[in-house]
Protein backbone atom coordinates (compact mmCIF):
# COMPACT_ATOMS: atom_id res chain seq x y z
CA MET A 1 86.84 2.44 33.54
CA VAL A 2 86.88 3.83 30.00
CA ALA A 3 85.27 1.53 27.37
CA ALA A 4 87.50 0.67 24.38
CA LYS A 5 86.61 2.45 21.23
CA LYS A 6 85.18 -0.05 18.64
CA SER A 7 86.79 0.37 15.30
CA LYS A 8 85.04 -0.43 12.16
CA THR A 9 86.25 -3.20 10.14
CA LYS A 10 86.64 -3.12 6.37
CA VAL A 11 83.62 -5.33 6.01
CA ASP A 12 81.41 -2.88 8.11
CA THR A 13 82.84 -0.07 6.18
CA ILE A 14 82.04 -1.40 2.68
CA ASN A 15 78.49 -2.66 3.92
CA SER A 16 77.58 0.81 5.04
CA LYS A 17 78.78 2.46 1.82
CA ILE A 18 76.81 -0.18 -0.28
CA GLN A 19 73.62 0.65 2.02
CA MET A 20 74.08 4.30 1.12
CA VAL A 21 74.29 3.62 -2.50
CA MET A 22 71.10 1.36 -2.29
CA LYS A 23 69.40 4.57 -0.64
CA SER A 24 70.84 7.48 -2.87
CA GLY A 25 72.37 6.05 -5.85
CA LYS A 26 71.62 3.97 -8.76
CA TYR A 27 72.74 0.37 -9.19
CA SER A 28 71.93 -3.11 -10.78
CA LEU A 29 72.39 -6.51 -9.38
CA GLY A 30 73.23 -9.47 -11.34
CA PHE A 31 75.82 -10.52 -13.90
CA LYS A 32 73.96 -9.77 -16.96
CA GLN A 33 72.97 -6.35 -15.92
CA ALA A 34 76.73 -5.75 -14.58
CA VAL A 35 78.05 -6.85 -18.25
CA ALA A 36 75.28 -4.59 -19.84
CA THR A 37 76.53 -1.41 -17.74
CA LEU A 38 80.11 -2.13 -18.49
CA VAL A 39 79.62 -2.44 -22.18
CA GLN A 40 77.45 0.83 -22.06
CA GLY A 41 80.24 2.51 -20.27
CA ARG A 42 77.86 3.47 -17.33
CA SER A 43 79.18 1.58 -14.56
CA LYS A 44 81.45 3.41 -11.86
CA LEU A 45 82.07 0.37 -9.77
CA ILE A 46 81.73 -3.37 -9.80
CA VAL A 47 81.41 -5.38 -6.60
CA VAL A 48 81.96 -9.23 -7.04
CA ALA A 49 81.23 -11.82 -4.21
CA ASN A 50 83.93 -14.29 -3.36
CA ASN A 51 82.11 -17.27 -4.56
CA CYS A 52 81.19 -15.78 -7.82
CA GLN A 53 82.01 -18.43 -10.62
CA PRO A 54 85.73 -18.15 -11.88
CA ILE A 55 84.81 -17.62 -15.44
CA ARG A 56 82.26 -15.07 -14.75
CA LYS A 57 84.89 -13.24 -12.49
CA ALA A 58 87.24 -13.29 -15.23
CA GLN A 59 84.60 -11.88 -17.61
CA LEU A 60 83.70 -9.07 -15.45
CA GLU A 61 87.40 -8.19 -14.78
CA TYR A 62 88.11 -8.02 -18.54
CA TYR A 63 85.18 -5.93 -19.28
CA ALA A 64 86.28 -3.85 -16.48
CA LEU A 65 89.64 -3.42 -17.79
CA LEU A 66 88.27 -2.35 -21.25
CA SER A 67 85.80 0.15 -19.65
CA LYS A 68 88.44 1.36 -17.07
CA THR A 69 86.26 0.62 -14.11
CA PRO A 70 87.46 -0.41 -10.61
CA VAL A 71 86.49 -3.80 -9.49
CA HIS A 72 86.05 -4.41 -5.79
CA PHE A 73 86.19 -8.04 -4.47
CA TYR A 74 83.67 -8.26 -1.59
CA SER A 75 84.97 -10.50 1.21
CA GLY A 76 81.71 -12.19 1.83
CA ASN A 77 79.54 -14.73 -0.35
CA ASN A 78 76.69 -13.85 -2.62
CA MET A 79 74.30 -14.23 0.38
CA ASP A 80 76.25 -11.77 2.46
CA LEU A 81 76.29 -9.50 -0.62
CA GLY A 82 72.63 -9.62 -1.14
CA THR A 83 71.98 -9.02 2.46
CA ALA A 84 74.22 -5.87 2.38
CA CYS A 85 72.21 -4.55 -0.56
CA GLY A 86 69.04 -5.09 1.58
CA LYS A 87 67.55 -7.89 -0.44
CA HIS A 88 66.26 -11.23 0.45
CA PHE A 89 67.89 -13.09 -2.36
CA ARG A 90 71.55 -13.83 -3.32
CA SER A 91 73.50 -11.60 -5.69
CA ALA A 92 77.11 -12.26 -6.75
CA VAL A 93 77.62 -8.99 -8.58
CA LEU A 94 76.57 -5.51 -7.83
CA SER A 95 77.05 -2.63 -10.46
CA VAL A 96 76.90 0.77 -9.14
CA THR A 97 76.03 3.51 -11.93
CA ASP A 98 75.51 6.33 -9.58
CA ILE A 99 77.14 6.52 -6.28
CA GLY A 100 74.83 9.07 -4.81
CA ASP A 101 75.89 10.25 -1.38
CA SER A 102 78.33 7.68 -0.72
CA ASP A 103 82.12 7.56 -1.37
CA ILE A 104 82.09 3.73 -2.49
CA THR A 105 84.70 4.43 -5.20
CA SER A 106 87.26 5.24 -2.62
CA ALA A 107 86.76 1.65 -0.97
């Protein structure tokens, strides 16, 4: 009997890409730091949790539009995003400034 090949879901792939950025790239966690990197033009990607406050989400989208930075809406909540980052606290926003060895910008 041949075991069925387990395909990766989209959440698994984005989590693995986030973990690769944590190991080899540069990032900042939190809303204020994300806005700062967007205003300075250093951010390559913004990852927003699904339970981020709507006004903050709108502000991030606006700043990202001005700086031509892609925004990825993470399917999990802020606790899941913090765990995917390898942290023991919640984080609603992740700003990637250097992707390192990962290919997270194609997510």
